[in-house]
PDB file of N, CA and C in Angstrom:
ATOM      1  N   MET A   1    -100.313  33.390  21.458  1.00  0.00           N
ATOM      2  CA  MET A   1    -101.394  32.931  20.558  1.00  0.00           C
ATOM      3  C   MET A   1    -101.043  32.815  19.254  1.00  0.00           C
ATOM      4  N   GLU A   2    -101.329  31.472  18.534  1.00  0.00           N
ATOM      5  CA  GLU A   2    -101.179  31.370  17.371  1.00  0.00           C
ATOM      6  C   GLU A   2    -102.335  31.459  16.611  1.00  0.00           C
ATOM      7  N   LEU A   3    -102.264  32.237  15.584  1.00  0.00           N
ATOM      8  CA  LEU A   3    -103.704  32.344  14.711  1.00  0.00           C
ATOM      9  C   LEU A   3    -103.906  31.158  13.704  1.00  0.00           C
ATOM     10  N   ASP A   4    -104.858  31.083  13.281  1.00  0.00           N
ATOM     11  CA  ASP A   4    -105.300  30.060  12.267  1.00  0.00           C
ATOM     12  C   ASP A   4    -104.669  30.216  10.879  1.00  0.00           C
ATOM     13  N   PRO A   5    -103.656  29.253  10.765  1.00  0.00           N
ATOM     14  CA  PRO A   5    -102.757  29.639   9.427  1.00  0.00           C
ATOM     15  C   PRO A   5    -103.848  29.534   8.222  1.00  0.00           C
ATOM     16  N   GLN A   6    -104.903  29.094   8.067  1.00  0.00           N
ATOM     17  CA  GLN A   6    -105.900  29.008   6.971  1.00  0.00           C
ATOM     18  C   GLN A   6    -106.317  30.359   6.875  1.00  0.00           C
ATOM     19  N   GLU A   7    -106.913  30.957   7.955  1.00  0.00           N
ATOM     20  CA  GLU A   7    -107.318  32.259   7.924  1.00  0.00           C
ATOM     21  C   GLU A   7    -106.361  33.392   7.651  1.00  0.00           C
ATOM     22  N   MET A   8    -104.966  32.930   8.200  1.00  0.00           N
ATOM     23  CA  MET A   8    -103.930  34.170   8.009  1.00  0.00           C
ATOM     24  C   MET A   8    -103.572  33.818   6.656  1.00  0.00           C
ATOM     25  N   THR A   9    -103.711  32.957   5.905  1.00  0.00           N
ATOM     26  CA  THR A   9    -103.372  32.964   4.330  1.00  0.00           C
ATOM     27  C   THR A   9    -104.226  33.937   3.850  1.00  0.00           C
ATOM     28  N   LYS A  10    -105.399  34.129   3.991  1.00  0.00           N
ATOM     29  CA  LYS A  10    -106.481  34.953   3.408  1.00  0.00           C
ATOM     30  C   LYS A  10    -105.749  36.467   3.640  1.00  0.00           C
ATOM     31  N   VAL A  11    -105.669  36.631   4.966  1.00  0.00           N
ATOM     32  CA  VAL A  11    -105.220  38.093   5.313  1.00  0.00           C
ATOM     33  C   VAL A  11    -103.768  38.202   4.654  1.00  0.00           C
ATOM     34  N   SER A  12    -103.006  37.226   4.604  1.00  0.00           N
ATOM     35  CA  SER A  12    -101.520  37.604   3.922  1.00  0.00           C
ATOM     36  C   SER A  12    -102.013  37.892   2.278  1.00  0.00           C
ATOM     37  N   ASN A  13    -102.873  37.274   1.633  1.00  0.00           N
ATOM     38  CA  ASN A  13    -103.149  37.635   0.401  1.00  0.00           C
ATOM     39  C   ASN A  13    -103.670  39.141   0.264  1.00  0.00           C
ATOM     40  N   ARG A  14    -104.561  39.533   1.304  1.00  0.00           N
ATOM     41  CA  ARG A  14    -105.143  40.736   1.176  1.00  0.00           C
ATOM     42  C   ARG A  14    -104.281  41.934   1.333  1.00  0.00           C
ATOM     43  N   LEU A  15    -103.333  41.403   2.249  1.00  0.00           N
ATOM     44  CA  LEU A  15    -102.088  42.617   2.561  1.00  0.00           C
ATOM     45  C   LEU A  15    -101.323  42.462   1.147  1.00  0.00           C
ATOM     46  N   LYS A  16    -100.928  41.519   0.489  1.00  0.00           N
ATOM     47  CA  LYS A  16    -100.419  41.561  -0.719  1.00  0.00           C
ATOM     48  C   LYS A  16    -100.821  42.176  -1.707  1.00  0.00           C
ATOM     49  N   ARG A  17    -102.361  42.340  -1.709  1.00  0.00           N
ATOM     50  CA  ARG A  17    -102.889  43.290  -2.763  1.00  0.00           C
ATOM     51  C   ARG A  17    -102.832  44.537  -2.414  1.00  0.00           C
ATOM     52  N   ALA A  18    -103.042  45.008  -0.811  1.00  0.00           N
ATOM     53  CA  ALA A  18    -102.816  46.292  -0.659  1.00  0.00           C
ATOM     54  C   ALA A  18    -101.412  46.850  -0.952  1.00  0.00           C
ATOM     55  N   GLN A  19    -100.395  45.860  -0.768  1.00  0.00           N
ATOM     56  CA  GLN A  19     -99.299  46.388  -1.060  1.00  0.00           C
ATOM     57  C   GLN A  19     -99.109  46.860  -2.488  1.00  0.00           C
ATOM     58  N   GLY A  20     -99.698  46.056  -3.286  1.00  0.00           N
ATOM     59  CA  GLY A  20     -99.669  46.166  -4.770  1.00  0.00           C
ATOM     60  C   GLY A  20    -100.406  47.754  -4.968  1.00  0.00           C
ATOM     61  N   GLN A  21    -101.649  47.870  -4.401  1.00  0.00           N
ATOM     62  CA  GLN A  21    -102.091  49.106  -4.427  1.00  0.00           C
ATOM     63  C   GLN A  21    -101.284  50.356  -4.373  1.00  0.00           C
ATOM     64  N   LEU A  22    -100.744  50.042  -2.966  1.00  0.00           N
ATOM     65  CA  LEU A  22     -99.771  51.344  -2.436  1.00  0.00           C
ATOM     66  C   LEU A  22     -98.802  51.542  -3.548  1.00  0.00           C
ATOM     67  N   THR A  23     -97.954  50.541  -4.218  1.00  0.00           N
ATOM     68  CA  THR A  23     -97.255  50.857  -4.968  1.00  0.00           C
ATOM     69  C   THR A  23     -97.747  51.578  -6.262  1.00  0.00           C
ATOM     70  N   ALA A  24     -98.965  51.307  -6.624  1.00  0.00           N
ATOM     71  CA  ALA A  24     -99.610  52.003  -7.623  1.00  0.00           C
ATOM     72  C   ALA A  24     -99.829  53.235  -7.381  1.00  0.00           C
ATOM     73  N   VAL A  25    -100.267  53.722  -6.173  1.00  0.00           N
ATOM     74  CA  VAL A  25    -100.498  54.859  -5.729  1.00  0.00           C
ATOM     75  C   VAL A  25     -99.189  55.774  -5.629  1.00  0.00           C
ATOM     76  N   ILE A  26     -98.059  55.290  -5.111  1.00  0.00           N
ATOM     77  CA  ILE A  26     -96.725  55.869  -5.254  1.00  0.00           C
ATOM     78  C   ILE A  26     -96.623  56.236  -6.896  1.00  0.00           C
ATOM     79  N   ARG A  27     -96.748  55.298  -7.637  1.00  0.00           N
ATOM     80  CA  ARG A  27     -96.411  55.636  -9.062  1.00  0.00           C
ATOM     81  C   ARG A  27     -97.161  56.574  -9.603  1.00  0.00           C
ATOM     82  N   MET A  28     -98.492  56.682  -9.160  1.00  0.00           N
ATOM     83  CA  MET A  28     -99.640  57.831  -9.557  1.00  0.00           C
ATOM     84  C   MET A  28     -99.010  59.029  -9.110  1.00  0.00           C
ATOM     85  N   LEU A  29     -98.480  59.198  -7.653  1.00  0.00           N
ATOM     86  CA  LEU A  29     -98.109  60.475  -7.475  1.00  0.00           C
ATOM     87  C   LEU A  29     -96.810  60.864  -8.315  1.00  0.00           C
ATOM     88  N   ASP A  30     -95.883  59.879  -8.331  1.00  0.00           N
ATOM     89  CA  ASP A  30     -94.476  60.247  -9.133  1.00  0.00           C
ATOM     90  C   ASP A  30     -95.029  60.584 -10.689  1.00  0.00           C
ATOM     91  N   ALA A  31     -96.118  60.198 -11.171  1.00  0.00           N
ATOM     92  CA  ALA A  31     -96.423  60.593 -12.491  1.00  0.00           C
ATOM     93  C   ALA A  31     -97.277  61.852 -12.652  1.00  0.00           C
ATOM     94  N   GLY A  32     -97.528  62.281 -11.433  1.00  0.00           N
ATOM     95  CA  GLY A  32     -98.219  63.563 -11.311  1.00  0.00           C
ATOM     96  C   GLY A  32     -99.966  63.464 -11.668  1.00  0.00           C
ATOM     97  N   GLU A  33    -100.290  62.097 -11.407  1.00  0.00           N
ATOM     98  CA  GLU A  33    -101.831  62.027 -11.806  1.00  0.00           C
ATOM     99  C   GLU A  33    -102.683  62.747 -10.956  1.00  0.00           C
ATOM    100  N   ASP A  34    -104.113  62.642 -11.289  1.00  0.00           N
ATOM    101  CA  ASP A  34    -105.160  63.714 -10.812  1.00  0.00           C
ATOM    102  C   ASP A  34    -105.104  63.219  -9.177  1.00  0.00           C
ATOM    103  N   CYS A  35    -105.327  64.387  -8.612  1.00  0.00           N
ATOM    104  CA  CYS A  35    -105.486  64.115  -7.128  1.00  0.00           C
ATOM    105  C   CYS A  35    -106.686  63.163  -6.626  1.00  0.00           C
ATOM    106  N   GLU A  36    -107.585  63.454  -7.502  1.00  0.00           N
ATOM    107  CA  GLU A  36    -108.957  62.747  -6.875  1.00  0.00           C
ATOM    108  C   GLU A  36    -108.500  60.890  -7.031  1.00  0.00           C
ATOM    109  N   ASP A  37    -107.820  60.700  -8.155  1.00  0.00           N
ATOM    110  CA  ASP A  37    -107.572  59.418  -8.574  1.00  0.00           C
ATOM    111  C   ASP A  37    -106.687  58.695  -7.599  1.00  0.00           C
ATOM    112  N   VAL A  38    -105.631  59.752  -6.905  1.00  0.00           N
ATOM    113  CA  VAL A  38    -104.697  59.210  -6.150  1.00  0.00           C
ATOM    114  C   VAL A  38    -105.451  59.180  -4.672  1.00  0.00           C
ATOM    115  N   VAL A  39    -106.224  59.988  -4.479  1.00  0.00           N
ATOM    116  CA  VAL A  39    -106.832  59.735  -3.012  1.00  0.00           C
ATOM    117  C   VAL A  39    -107.780  58.817  -3.006  1.00  0.00           C
ATOM    118  N   THR A  40    -108.740  58.447  -4.354  1.00  0.00           N
ATOM    119  CA  THR A  40    -109.425  57.306  -4.366  1.00  0.00           C
ATOM    120  C   THR A  40    -108.698  55.901  -4.078  1.00  0.00           C
ATOM    121  N   GLN A  41    -107.340  55.992  -4.817  1.00  0.00           N
ATOM    122  CA  GLN A  41    -106.617  54.598  -4.559  1.00  0.00           C
ATOM    123  C   GLN A  41    -106.094  54.464  -3.124  1.00  0.00           C
ATOM    124  N   LEU A  42    -105.749  55.621  -2.838  1.00  0.00           N
ATOM    125  CA  LEU A  42    -105.246  55.569  -1.251  1.00  0.00           C
ATOM    126  C   LEU A  42    -106.317  54.964  -0.210  1.00  0.00           C
ATOM    127  N   ALA A  43    -107.456  55.732  -0.410  1.00  0.00           N
ATOM    128  CA  ALA A  43    -108.691  55.296   0.395  1.00  0.00           C
ATOM    129  C   ALA A  43    -108.834  53.740   0.261  1.00  0.00           C
ATOM    130  N   ALA A  44    -108.821  53.244  -0.906  1.00  0.00           N
ATOM    131  CA  ALA A  44    -108.797  51.638  -1.088  1.00  0.00           C
ATOM    132  C   ALA A  44    -107.926  50.885  -0.376  1.00  0.00           C
ATOM    133  N   VAL A  45    -106.583  51.376  -0.357  1.00  0.00           N
ATOM    134  CA  VAL A  45    -105.316  50.922   0.443  1.00  0.00           C
ATOM    135  C   VAL A  45    -105.668  50.904   1.838  1.00  0.00           C
ATOM    136  N   SER A  46    -106.123  51.981   2.424  1.00  0.00           N
ATOM    137  CA  SER A  46    -106.534  52.122   3.788  1.00  0.00           C
ATOM    138  C   SER A  46    -107.605  51.094   4.138  1.00  0.00           C
ATOM    139  N   ARG A  47    -108.509  51.012   3.608  1.00  0.00           N
ATOM    140  CA  ARG A  47    -109.676  50.081   3.880  1.00  0.00           C
ATOM    141  C   ARG A  47    -109.190  48.590   3.794  1.00  0.00           C
ATOM    142  N   ALA A  48    -108.238  48.325   2.678  1.00  0.00           N
ATOM    143  CA  ALA A  48    -107.709  46.953   2.616  1.00  0.00           C
ATOM    144  C   ALA A  48    -106.997  46.594   3.989  1.00  0.00           C
ATOM    145  N   LEU A  49    -106.238  47.640   4.470  1.00  0.00           N
ATOM    146  CA  LEU A  49    -105.465  47.575   5.647  1.00  0.00           C
ATOM    147  C   LEU A  49    -106.411  47.259   6.739  1.00  0.00           C
ATOM    148  N   ASP A  50    -107.194  48.015   6.803  1.00  0.00           N
ATOM    149  CA  ASP A  50    -108.182  48.002   7.893  1.00  0.00           C
ATOM    150  C   ASP A  50    -108.873  46.558   8.052  1.00  0.00           C
ATOM    151  N   ARG A  51    -109.394  46.148   6.979  1.00  0.00           N
ATOM    152  CA  ARG A  51    -109.840  45.037   6.824  1.00  0.00           C
ATOM    153  C   ARG A  51    -109.089  43.803   7.305  1.00  0.00           C
ATOM    154  N   ALA A  52    -107.805  43.594   6.810  1.00  0.00           N
ATOM    155  CA  ALA A  52    -106.807  42.771   7.204  1.00  0.00           C
ATOM    156  C   ALA A  52    -106.458  42.686   8.782  1.00  0.00           C
ATOM    157  N   GLY A  53    -106.596  44.116   9.005  1.00  0.00           N
ATOM    158  CA  GLY A  53    -106.579  43.892  10.997  1.00  0.00           C
ATOM    159  C   GLY A  53    -107.493  43.750  11.678  1.00  0.00           C
ATOM    160  N   PHE A  54    -108.742  43.874  10.875  1.00  0.00           N
ATOM    161  CA  PHE A  54    -109.951  43.272  11.577  1.00  0.00           C
ATOM    162  C   PHE A  54    -110.163  41.769  11.576  1.00  0.00           C
ATOM    163  N   ALA A  55    -109.556  41.456  10.440  1.00  0.00           N
ATOM    164  CA  ALA A  55    -109.692  39.852  10.215  1.00  0.00           C
ATOM    165  C   ALA A  55    -108.830  39.078  11.245  1.00  0.00           C
ATOM    166  N   ILE A  56    -107.692  39.766  11.460  1.00  0.00           N
ATOM    167  CA  ILE A  56    -106.653  39.247  12.353  1.00  0.00           C
ATOM    168  C   ILE A  56    -107.395  39.307  13.862  1.00  0.00           C
ATOM    169  N   ILE A  57    -107.819  40.310  14.423  1.00  0.00           N
ATOM    170  CA  ILE A  57    -108.490  40.522  15.634  1.00  0.00           C
ATOM    171  C   ILE A  57    -109.776  39.479  15.819  1.00  0.00           C
ATOM    172  N   ALA A  58    -110.448  39.323  14.618  1.00  0.00           N
ATOM    173  CA  ALA A  58    -111.639  38.532  14.664  1.00  0.00           C
ATOM    174  C   ALA A  58    -111.276  36.982  14.980  1.00  0.00           C
ATOM    175  N   SER A  59    -110.024  36.644  14.106  1.00  0.00           N
ATOM    176  CA  SER A  59    -109.448  35.473  14.319  1.00  0.00           C
ATOM    177  C   SER A  59    -108.912  35.047  15.924  1.00  0.00           C
ATOM    178  N   GLY A  60    -108.281  36.213  16.186  1.00  0.00           N
ATOM    179  CA  GLY A  60    -107.873  36.015  17.862  1.00  0.00           C
ATOM    180  C   GLY A  60    -109.130  35.869  18.866  1.00  0.00           C
ATOM    181  N   MET A  61    -110.024  36.656  18.535  1.00  0.00           N
ATOM    182  CA  MET A  61    -111.410  36.537  19.368  1.00  0.00           C
ATOM    183  C   MET A  61    -111.877  35.323  19.249  1.00  0.00           C
ATOM    184  N   LYS A  62    -112.246  34.664  17.845  1.00  0.00           N
ATOM    185  CA  LYS A  62    -112.536  33.312  17.824  1.00  0.00           C
ATOM    186  C   LYS A  62    -111.859  32.237  18.482  1.00  0.00           C
ATOM    187  N   GLN A  63    -110.575  32.385  18.458  1.00  0.00           N
ATOM    188  CA  GLN A  63    -109.612  31.589  19.171  1.00  0.00           C
ATOM    189  C   GLN A  63    -109.729  31.706  20.541  1.00  0.00           C
ATOM    190  N   CYS A  64    -110.036  32.881  21.100  1.00  0.00           N
ATOM    191  CA  CYS A  64    -109.800  33.097  22.414  1.00  0.00           C
ATOM    192  C   CYS A  64    -111.266  32.531  23.173  1.00  0.00           C
ATOM    193  N   LEU A  65    -112.367  32.388  22.245  1.00  0.00           N
ATOM    194  CA  LEU A  65    -113.601  31.630  22.725  1.00  0.00           C
ATOM    195  C   LEU A  65    -113.617  30.342  22.742  1.00  0.00           C
ATOM    196  N   THR A  66    -112.829  29.755  21.674  1.00  0.00           N
ATOM    197  CA  THR A  66    -112.627  28.201  21.669  1.00  0.00           C
ATOM    198  C   THR A  66    -111.491  27.678  22.569  1.00  0.00           C
ATOM    199  N   GLU A  67    -110.457  28.551  22.584  1.00  0.00           N
ATOM    200  CA  GLU A  67    -109.366  28.184  23.327  1.00  0.00           C
ATOM    201  C   GLU A  67    -108.822  29.309  24.426  1.00  0.00           C
ATOM    202  N   PRO A  68    -109.856  29.547  25.483  1.00  0.00           N
ATOM    203  CA  PRO A  68    -109.715  30.659  26.359  1.00  0.00           C
ATOM    204  C   PRO A  68    -108.061  30.665  27.154  1.00  0.00           C
ATOM    205  N   THR A  69    -107.507  29.555  27.377  1.00  0.00           N
ATOM    206  CA  THR A  69    -106.149  29.616  27.832  1.00  0.00           C
ATOM    207  C   THR A  69    -105.228  29.038  27.178  1.00  0.00           C
ATOM    208  N   THR A  70    -103.946  29.221  27.407  1.00  0.00           N
ATOM    209  CA  THR A  70    -102.760  28.807  26.950  1.00  0.00           C
ATOM    210  C   THR A  70    -102.584  27.326  27.651  1.00  0.00           C
ATOM    211  N   PRO A  71    -101.603  26.619  27.265  1.00  0.00           N
ATOM    212  CA  PRO A  71    -101.254  25.173  27.797  1.00  0.00           C
ATOM    213  C   PRO A  71    -100.849  25.496  29.147  1.00  0.00           C
ATOM    214  N   SER A  72    -100.233  26.655  29.550  1.00  0.00           N
ATOM    215  CA  SER A  72     -99.938  26.691  31.036  1.00  0.00           C
ATOM    216  C   SER A  72    -100.964  27.234  31.813  1.00  0.00           C
ATOM    217  N   GLY A  73    -102.195  27.398  31.195  1.00  0.00           N
ATOM    218  CA  GLY A  73    -103.230  27.848  31.986  1.00  0.00           C
ATOM    219  C   GLY A  73    -103.617  29.460  32.012  1.00  0.00           C
ATOM    220  N   GLU A  74    -102.864  30.044  31.511  1.00  0.00           N
ATOM    221  CA  GLU A  74    -102.724  31.596  31.533  1.00  0.00           C
ATOM    222  C   GLU A  74    -103.951  31.863  30.164  1.00  0.00           C
ATOM    223  N   PRO A  75    -104.565  33.062  30.445  1.00  0.00           N
ATOM    224  CA  PRO A  75    -105.440  33.406  29.436  1.00  0.00           C
ATOM    225  C   PRO A  75    -104.898  33.680  28.044  1.00  0.00           C
ATOM    226  N   ALA A  76    -105.687  33.078  26.937  1.00  0.00           N
ATOM    227  CA  ALA A  76    -104.896  33.641  25.590  1.00  0.00           C
ATOM    228  C   ALA A  76    -104.794  34.768  25.559  1.00  0.00           C
ATOM    229  N   LEU A  77    -105.759  35.640  25.733  1.00  0.00           N
ATOM    230  CA  LEU A  77    -105.716  36.983  25.421  1.00  0.00           C
ATOM    231  C   LEU A  77    -106.891  37.705  26.405  1.00  0.00           C
ATOM    232  N   ASP A  78    -106.582  38.546  27.112  1.00  0.00           N
ATOM    233  CA  ASP A  78    -107.365  39.210  28.109  1.00  0.00           C
ATOM    234  C   ASP A  78    -108.379  40.265  27.344  1.00  0.00           C
ATOM    235  N   VAL A  79    -109.450  40.735  27.849  1.00  0.00           N
ATOM    236  CA  VAL A  79    -110.459  41.451  27.169  1.00  0.00           C
ATOM    237  C   VAL A  79    -109.696  42.987  27.034  1.00  0.00           C
ATOM    238  N   ALA A  80    -108.956  43.318  28.011  1.00  0.00           N
ATOM    239  CA  ALA A  80    -108.222  44.732  27.917  1.00  0.00           C
ATOM    240  C   ALA A  80    -107.267  44.577  26.618  1.00  0.00           C
ATOM    241  N   LYS A  81    -106.567  43.554  26.446  1.00  0.00           N
ATOM    242  CA  LYS A  81    -105.451  43.502  25.464  1.00  0.00           C
ATOM    243  C   LYS A  81    -106.249  43.630  23.946  1.00  0.00           C
ATOM    244  N   LEU A  82    -107.318  42.663  23.898  1.00  0.00           N
ATOM    245  CA  LEU A  82    -108.352  42.837  22.686  1.00  0.00           C
ATOM    246  C   LEU A  82    -108.863  44.027  22.376  1.00  0.00           C
ATOM    247  N   GLU A  83    -109.353  44.646  23.352  1.00  0.00           N
ATOM    248  CA  GLU A  83    -110.008  46.065  23.206  1.00  0.00           C
ATOM    249  C   GLU A  83    -109.079  47.030  22.659  1.00  0.00           C
ATOM    250  N   LYS A  84    -107.760  46.896  23.374  1.00  0.00           N
ATOM    251  CA  LYS A  84    -106.604  47.935  22.866  1.00  0.00           C
ATOM    252  C   LYS A  84    -106.397  47.472  21.493  1.00  0.00           C
ATOM    253  N   LEU A  85    -106.045  46.301  21.051  1.00  0.00           N
ATOM    254  CA  LEU A  85    -106.135  45.996  19.644  1.00  0.00           C
ATOM    255  C   LEU A  85    -106.999  46.559  18.714  1.00  0.00           C
ATOM    256  N   PHE A  86    -108.206  46.159  19.146  1.00  0.00           N
ATOM    257  CA  PHE A  86    -109.552  46.513  18.350  1.00  0.00           C
ATOM    258  C   PHE A  86    -109.406  48.016  18.202  1.00  0.00           C
ATOM    259  N   LEU A  87    -109.350  48.914  19.225  1.00  0.00           N
ATOM    260  CA  LEU A  87    -109.280  50.374  19.084  1.00  0.00           C
ATOM    261  C   LEU A  87    -108.198  50.802  18.420  1.00  0.00           C
ATOM    262  N   SER A  88    -106.886  50.453  18.110  1.00  0.00           N
ATOM    263  CA  SER A  88    -105.897  50.524  17.512  1.00  0.00           C
ATOM    264  C   SER A  88    -106.085  50.902  16.069  1.00  0.00           C
ATOM    265  N   LEU A  89    -107.268  50.191  15.531  1.00  0.00           N
ATOM    266  CA  LEU A  89    -107.483  50.139  14.373  1.00  0.00           C
ATOM    267  C   LEU A  89    -108.884  51.160  14.078  1.00  0.00           C
ATOM    268  N   ALA A  90    -109.214  51.685  14.960  1.00  0.00           N
ATOM    269  CA  ALA A  90    -110.500  52.533  15.055  1.00  0.00           C
ATOM    270  C   ALA A  90    -109.805  54.166  14.561  1.00  0.00           C
TER     271      ALA A  90
END
């Protein structure tokens, strides 16, 4: 199943911001910055990654509802796979 490129551009941008945040966290650790500040930034990175993952799953769900089968007639994404993907982020 291919995901909507327009929606995935937003996800890609979110992941790039998270990558920048993670680089900043590493820099903070190397510089010996305050533990509370490091953990706060690390939590922000984690939330950004979670949101990106949920956005990908939501896009897949939307596509499955509008295009429930592949061109060969197979289900685009069955409920069990979708549930497994969703729970992998929980």
